[in-house]
């Protein structure tokens, strides 16, 4: 069920369809149309500034030219208002040649303005690591990781909590150090009752 407040569509509205029933439309759409002084085009998107879909105050609504600009705004792009009252976004991008001489677009991080980032990210990996206090960038040495496995009964979830990372990170570390064979050999050297 939609969180948007829906109201009956006025008869003079382009989205009104006279098929025996009155159509319902998002109240935010009608208010945004009144704010910019025209009907919205099909590809235009209304955005709630405070992200509260029930707050349809005209000062809380802006209209993006299309969904792509709306998405890039949520990814950290800078807003640019056009003369008609709608908005687009500015992203720093460069065009690069990839394999097979296909053109690709790389997005420059809005935080540091130098590193490239994924289109779906809000910042590059380095800026994310700096901003996230819980992110542990240092991978332990092989011997230390093996000792952690021995001390924690070879439980990956305990080790993941120890380093404040996911179990998938622990699995990748093991793959990097080729630890699987070492752990099996250590585990097999224990008596049968302890192996369980």
C-alpha atoms as a PDB file:
ATOM      1  CA  UNK A   1       0.000   0.000   0.000  1.00  0.00           C
ATOM      2  CA  UNK A   2       1.272   3.440  -0.947  1.00  0.00           C
ATOM      3  CA  UNK A   3       2.297   5.908   1.764  1.00  0.00           C
ATOM      4  CA  UNK A   4       1.208   8.849  -0.396  1.00  0.00           C
ATOM      5  CA  UNK A   5      -2.061  10.625   0.341  1.00  0.00           C
ATOM      6  CA  UNK A   6      -4.367  10.196  -2.662  1.00  0.00           C
ATOM      7  CA  UNK A   7      -7.221  12.530  -3.622  1.00  0.00           C
ATOM      8  CA  UNK A   8      -9.832  12.607  -6.368  1.00  0.00           C
ATOM      9  CA  UNK A   9      -8.445  13.912  -9.629  1.00  0.00           C
ATOM     10  CA  UNK A  10     -10.082  17.145 -10.898  1.00  0.00           C
ATOM     11  CA  UNK A  11     -12.079  16.746 -14.138  1.00  0.00           C
ATOM     12  CA  UNK A  12      -9.909  19.256 -16.000  1.00  0.00           C
ATOM     13  CA  UNK A  13      -6.690  17.380 -15.145  1.00  0.00           C
ATOM     14  CA  UNK A  14      -4.965  15.418 -17.980  1.00  0.00           C
ATOM     15  CA  UNK A  15      -4.807  12.300 -15.795  1.00  0.00           C
ATOM     16  CA  UNK A  16      -8.575  12.321 -15.262  1.00  0.00           C
ATOM     17  CA  UNK A  17     -10.141   9.450 -17.158  1.00  0.00           C
ATOM     18  CA  UNK A  18     -13.876   9.453 -17.673  1.00  0.00           C
ATOM     19  CA  UNK A  19     -14.598   5.729 -17.509  1.00  0.00           C
ATOM     20  CA  UNK A  20     -17.402   5.873 -14.970  1.00  0.00           C
ATOM     21  CA  UNK A  21     -15.036   6.283 -12.013  1.00  0.00           C
ATOM     22  CA  UNK A  22     -13.141   9.291 -10.794  1.00  0.00           C
ATOM     23  CA  UNK A  23      -9.434   8.661 -10.800  1.00  0.00           C
ATOM     24  CA  UNK A  24      -7.361   9.198  -7.666  1.00  0.00           C
ATOM     25  CA  UNK A  25      -3.995  10.946  -7.813  1.00  0.00           C
ATOM     26  CA  UNK A  26      -1.250  11.697  -5.306  1.00  0.00           C
ATOM     27  CA  UNK A  27      -1.948  14.949  -3.466  1.00  0.00           C
ATOM     28  CA  UNK A  28       1.764  15.815  -3.706  1.00  0.00           C
ATOM     29  CA  UNK A  29       1.489  15.790  -7.514  1.00  0.00           C
ATOM     30  CA  UNK A  30      -1.367  18.326  -7.523  1.00  0.00           C
ATOM     31  CA  UNK A  31       0.449  20.583  -5.037  1.00  0.00           C
ATOM     32  CA  UNK A  32       3.726  20.399  -7.010  1.00  0.00           C
ATOM     33  CA  UNK A  33       1.838  21.242 -10.229  1.00  0.00           C
ATOM     34  CA  UNK A  34       0.278  24.267  -8.562  1.00  0.00           C
ATOM     35  CA  UNK A  35       3.713  25.322  -7.294  1.00  0.00           C
ATOM     36  CA  UNK A  36       5.384  25.255 -10.742  1.00  0.00           C
ATOM     37  CA  UNK A  37       2.258  26.556 -12.513  1.00  0.00           C
ATOM     38  CA  UNK A  38       1.687  23.704 -14.992  1.00  0.00           C
ATOM     39  CA  UNK A  39       0.836  20.023 -15.219  1.00  0.00           C
ATOM     40  CA  UNK A  40       3.670  17.541 -14.697  1.00  0.00           C
ATOM     41  CA  UNK A  41       5.037  15.682 -17.695  1.00  0.00           C
ATOM     42  CA  UNK A  42       4.994  11.871 -17.581  1.00  0.00           C
ATOM     43  CA  UNK A  43       8.723  11.529 -16.830  1.00  0.00           C
ATOM     44  CA  UNK A  44       8.862  14.221 -14.090  1.00  0.00           C
ATOM     45  CA  UNK A  45       9.153  13.105 -10.457  1.00  0.00           C
ATOM     46  CA  UNK A  46       8.053  14.865  -7.252  1.00  0.00           C
ATOM     47  CA  UNK A  47      10.521  14.654  -4.338  1.00  0.00           C
ATOM     48  CA  UNK A  48       9.756  15.272  -0.646  1.00  0.00           C
ATOM     49  CA  UNK A  49      12.696  17.231   0.799  1.00  0.00           C
ATOM     50  CA  UNK A  50      12.254  15.897   4.356  1.00  0.00           C
ATOM     51  CA  UNK A  51      11.507  12.405   2.920  1.00  0.00           C
ATOM     52  CA  UNK A  52       8.160  12.353   4.770  1.00  0.00           C
ATOM     53  CA  UNK A  53       5.716  11.264   2.054  1.00  0.00           C
ATOM     54  CA  UNK A  54       2.778  12.631   4.036  1.00  0.00           C
ATOM     55  CA  UNK A  55       4.207  16.162   4.337  1.00  0.00           C
ATOM     56  CA  UNK A  56       2.797  17.781   1.194  1.00  0.00           C
ATOM     57  CA  UNK A  57       3.667  21.366   2.100  1.00  0.00           C
ATOM     58  CA  UNK A  58       4.633  23.202  -1.137  1.00  0.00           C
ATOM     59  CA  UNK A  59       7.943  24.229   0.462  1.00  0.00           C
ATOM     60  CA  UNK A  60       8.720  20.529   1.042  1.00  0.00           C
ATOM     61  CA  UNK A  61       8.229  19.503  -2.612  1.00  0.00           C
ATOM     62  CA  UNK A  62      10.543  19.817  -5.597  1.00  0.00           C
ATOM     63  CA  UNK A  63      10.097  18.450  -9.121  1.00  0.00           C
ATOM     64  CA  UNK A  64      12.902  16.606 -10.927  1.00  0.00           C
ATOM     65  CA  UNK A  65      13.030  16.510 -14.747  1.00  0.00           C
ATOM     66  CA  UNK A  66      13.145  12.708 -14.605  1.00  0.00           C
ATOM     67  CA  UNK A  67      13.747   9.753 -12.316  1.00  0.00           C
ATOM     68  CA  UNK A  68      17.443   9.604 -13.193  1.00  0.00           C
ATOM     69  CA  UNK A  69      18.068  13.061 -11.714  1.00  0.00           C
ATOM     70  CA  UNK A  70      16.025  12.078  -8.655  1.00  0.00           C
ATOM     71  CA  UNK A  71      18.164   8.974  -8.142  1.00  0.00           C
ATOM     72  CA  UNK A  72      21.447  10.838  -8.617  1.00  0.00           C
ATOM     73  CA  UNK A  73      20.300  13.416  -6.037  1.00  0.00           C
ATOM     74  CA  UNK A  74      19.865  10.582  -3.532  1.00  0.00           C
ATOM     75  CA  UNK A  75      23.378   9.429  -4.493  1.00  0.00           C
ATOM     76  CA  UNK A  76      24.820  12.790  -3.418  1.00  0.00           C
ATOM     77  CA  UNK A  77      24.655  14.908  -6.583  1.00  0.00           C
ATOM     78  CA  UNK A  78      24.335  18.691  -6.387  1.00  0.00           C
ATOM     79  CA  UNK A  79      20.920  20.291  -7.170  1.00  0.00           C
ATOM     80  CA  UNK A  80      20.479  22.781 -10.006  1.00  0.00           C
ATOM     81  CA  UNK A  81      17.180  24.672 -10.383  1.00  0.00           C
ATOM     82  CA  UNK A  82      16.005  25.412 -13.909  1.00  0.00           C
ATOM     83  CA  UNK A  83      14.001  28.449 -15.048  1.00  0.00           C
ATOM     84  CA  UNK A  84      10.744  26.469 -15.215  1.00  0.00           C
ATOM     85  CA  UNK A  85      10.976  25.592 -11.489  1.00  0.00           C
ATOM     86  CA  UNK A  86      12.098  21.999 -11.977  1.00  0.00           C
ATOM     87  CA  UNK A  87      15.451  20.548 -10.882  1.00  0.00           C
ATOM     88  CA  UNK A  88      18.274  18.561 -12.385  1.00  0.00           C
ATOM     89  CA  UNK A  89      21.509  17.402 -10.765  1.00  0.00           C
ATOM     90  CA  UNK A  90      25.168  17.916 -11.517  1.00  0.00           C
ATOM     91  CA  UNK A  91      27.510  14.975 -11.272  1.00  0.00           C
ATOM     92  CA  UNK A  92      31.168  15.131 -12.108  1.00  0.00           C
ATOM     93  CA  UNK A  93      31.758  12.414 -14.651  1.00  0.00           C
ATOM     94  CA  UNK A  94      34.416  11.524 -17.149  1.00  0.00           C
ATOM     95  CA  UNK A  95      34.120   9.336 -20.195  1.00  0.00           C
ATOM     96  CA  UNK A  96      36.645   6.537 -20.380  1.00  0.00           C
ATOM     97  CA  UNK A  97      37.356   3.791 -22.871  1.00  0.00           C
ATOM     98  CA  UNK A  98      36.832   0.313 -21.493  1.00  0.00           C
ATOM     99  CA  UNK A  99      37.627  -3.094 -22.931  1.00  0.00           C
ATOM    100  CA  UNK A 100      36.402  -3.631 -26.503  1.00  0.00           C
ATOM    101  CA  UNK A 101      36.695   0.163 -27.050  1.00  0.00           C
ATOM    102  CA  UNK A 102      33.263   0.780 -25.541  1.00  0.00           C
ATOM    103  CA  UNK A 103      32.692   4.123 -23.912  1.00  0.00           C
ATOM    104  CA  UNK A 104      31.883   4.107 -20.229  1.00  0.00           C
ATOM    105  CA  UNK A 105      31.167   6.759 -17.645  1.00  0.00           C
ATOM    106  CA  UNK A 106      32.984   6.994 -14.331  1.00  0.00           C
ATOM    107  CA  UNK A 107      31.582   9.173 -11.577  1.00  0.00           C
ATOM    108  CA  UNK A 108      33.934  11.294  -9.472  1.00  0.00           C
ATOM    109  CA  UNK A 109      33.420  11.162  -5.700  1.00  0.00           C
ATOM    110  CA  UNK A 110      31.568  14.280  -4.406  1.00  0.00           C
ATOM    111  CA  UNK A 111      33.500  14.146  -1.104  1.00  0.00           C
ATOM    112  CA  UNK A 112      37.143  14.106  -2.234  1.00  0.00           C
ATOM    113  CA  UNK A 113      36.623  15.180  -5.887  1.00  0.00           C
ATOM    114  CA  UNK A 114      39.437  12.896  -7.070  1.00  0.00           C
ATOM    115  CA  UNK A 115      38.538   9.205  -6.781  1.00  0.00           C
ATOM    116  CA  UNK A 116      36.125   7.311  -9.010  1.00  0.00           C
ATOM    117  CA  UNK A 117      33.110   5.590  -7.544  1.00  0.00           C
ATOM    118  CA  UNK A 118      30.325   3.227  -8.530  1.00  0.00           C
ATOM    119  CA  UNK A 119      27.220   4.919  -9.980  1.00  0.00           C
ATOM    120  CA  UNK A 120      25.158   3.473  -7.118  1.00  0.00           C
ATOM    121  CA  UNK A 121      27.474   4.728  -4.367  1.00  0.00           C
ATOM    122  CA  UNK A 122      27.307   8.031  -2.534  1.00  0.00           C
ATOM    123  CA  UNK A 123      31.115   8.252  -2.186  1.00  0.00           C
ATOM    124  CA  UNK A 124      34.312   6.411  -3.109  1.00  0.00           C
ATOM    125  CA  UNK A 125      35.649   3.517  -1.018  1.00  0.00           C
ATOM    126  CA  UNK A 126      38.410   5.598   0.597  1.00  0.00           C
ATOM    127  CA  UNK A 127      35.962   8.314   1.740  1.00  0.00           C
ATOM    128  CA  UNK A 128      33.558   5.631   2.992  1.00  0.00           C
ATOM    129  CA  UNK A 129      36.321   4.034   5.058  1.00  0.00           C
ATOM    130  CA  UNK A 130      37.269   7.416   6.560  1.00  0.00           C
ATOM    131  CA  UNK A 131      33.653   8.290   7.379  1.00  0.00           C
ATOM    132  CA  UNK A 132      32.675   4.920   8.840  1.00  0.00           C
ATOM    133  CA  UNK A 133      34.233   4.424  12.271  1.00  0.00           C
ATOM    134  CA  UNK A 134      33.120   0.768  12.422  1.00  0.00           C
ATOM    135  CA  UNK A 135      34.928  -0.116   9.183  1.00  0.00           C
ATOM    136  CA  UNK A 136      38.134  -2.020   9.906  1.00  0.00           C
ATOM    137  CA  UNK A 137      40.363  -1.598   6.869  1.00  0.00           C
ATOM    138  CA  UNK A 138      43.375  -3.475   8.294  1.00  0.00           C
ATOM    139  CA  UNK A 139      43.405  -7.156   7.438  1.00  0.00           C
ATOM    140  CA  UNK A 140      45.148  -9.204  10.132  1.00  0.00           C
ATOM    141  CA  UNK A 141      48.248 -11.207   9.265  1.00  0.00           C
ATOM    142  CA  UNK A 142      47.854 -14.865   8.345  1.00  0.00           C
ATOM    143  CA  UNK A 143      49.279 -16.242  11.606  1.00  0.00           C
ATOM    144  CA  UNK A 144      47.053 -13.990  13.716  1.00  0.00           C
ATOM    145  CA  UNK A 145      43.968 -15.057  11.759  1.00  0.00           C
ATOM    146  CA  UNK A 146      44.847 -18.749  12.182  1.00  0.00           C
ATOM    147  CA  UNK A 147      45.314 -18.201  15.930  1.00  0.00           C
ATOM    148  CA  UNK A 148      41.903 -16.520  16.056  1.00  0.00           C
ATOM    149  CA  UNK A 149      40.360 -19.559  14.388  1.00  0.00           C
ATOM    150  CA  UNK A 150      41.990 -21.874  16.939  1.00  0.00           C
ATOM    151  CA  UNK A 151      40.981 -19.697  19.934  1.00  0.00           C
ATOM    152  CA  UNK A 152      37.372 -19.343  18.711  1.00  0.00           C
ATOM    153  CA  UNK A 153      36.754 -22.997  17.832  1.00  0.00           C
ATOM    154  CA  UNK A 154      36.871 -22.248  14.087  1.00  0.00           C
ATOM    155  CA  UNK A 155      33.687 -20.171  14.315  1.00  0.00           C
ATOM    156  CA  UNK A 156      33.632 -17.554  11.518  1.00  0.00           C
ATOM    157  CA  UNK A 157      30.831 -15.525  13.110  1.00  0.00           C
ATOM    158  CA  UNK A 158      32.864 -15.030  16.314  1.00  0.00           C
ATOM    159  CA  UNK A 159      35.890 -13.902  14.328  1.00  0.00           C
ATOM    160  CA  UNK A 160      33.716 -11.574  12.250  1.00  0.00           C
ATOM    161  CA  UNK A 161      32.440  -9.944  15.462  1.00  0.00           C
ATOM    162  CA  UNK A 162      36.019  -9.727  16.719  1.00  0.00           C
ATOM    163  CA  UNK A 163      37.078  -7.627  13.687  1.00  0.00           C
ATOM    164  CA  UNK A 164      33.680  -5.930  13.245  1.00  0.00           C
ATOM    165  CA  UNK A 165      33.281  -7.242   9.680  1.00  0.00           C
ATOM    166  CA  UNK A 166      30.933  -9.662   7.936  1.00  0.00           C
ATOM    167  CA  UNK A 167      31.485 -13.410   7.721  1.00  0.00           C
ATOM    168  CA  UNK A 168      31.919 -12.885   3.988  1.00  0.00           C
ATOM    169  CA  UNK A 169      34.977 -10.702   4.730  1.00  0.00           C
ATOM    170  CA  UNK A 170      36.428 -13.494   6.876  1.00  0.00           C
ATOM    171  CA  UNK A 171      35.828 -15.934   4.010  1.00  0.00           C
ATOM    172  CA  UNK A 172      37.662 -13.599   1.587  1.00  0.00           C
ATOM    173  CA  UNK A 173      40.576 -13.210   4.000  1.00  0.00           C
ATOM    174  CA  UNK A 174      40.843 -17.000   4.253  1.00  0.00           C
ATOM    175  CA  UNK A 175      40.796 -17.269   0.471  1.00  0.00           C
ATOM    176  CA  UNK A 176      43.482 -14.581   0.192  1.00  0.00           C
ATOM    177  CA  UNK A 177      45.771 -16.416   2.638  1.00  0.00           C
ATOM    178  CA  UNK A 178      44.743 -19.919   1.443  1.00  0.00           C
ATOM    179  CA  UNK A 179      43.846 -20.765   5.037  1.00  0.00           C
ATOM    180  CA  UNK A 180      41.233 -23.456   4.388  1.00  0.00           C
ATOM    181  CA  UNK A 181      43.793 -26.274   4.072  1.00  0.00           C
ATOM    182  CA  UNK A 182      45.700 -25.119   7.160  1.00  0.00           C
ATOM    183  CA  UNK A 183      42.536 -25.075   9.290  1.00  0.00           C
ATOM    184  CA  UNK A 184      41.467 -28.523   8.131  1.00  0.00           C
ATOM    185  CA  UNK A 185      44.908 -29.900   9.050  1.00  0.00           C
ATOM    186  CA  UNK A 186      44.812 -28.210  12.475  1.00  0.00           C
ATOM    187  CA  UNK A 187      41.275 -29.429  13.102  1.00  0.00           C
ATOM    188  CA  UNK A 188      42.103 -33.015  12.067  1.00  0.00           C
ATOM    189  CA  UNK A 189      45.037 -33.100  14.477  1.00  0.00           C
ATOM    190  CA  UNK A 190      42.600 -32.775  17.419  1.00  0.00           C
ATOM    191  CA  UNK A 191      41.093 -35.898  18.985  1.00  0.00           C
ATOM    192  CA  UNK A 192      37.749 -36.964  17.468  1.00  0.00           C
ATOM    193  CA  UNK A 193      35.593 -35.740  20.424  1.00  0.00           C
ATOM    194  CA  UNK A 194      37.118 -32.237  20.208  1.00  0.00           C
ATOM    195  CA  UNK A 195      36.546 -31.972  16.440  1.00  0.00           C
ATOM    196  CA  UNK A 196      32.767 -31.765  16.896  1.00  0.00           C
END
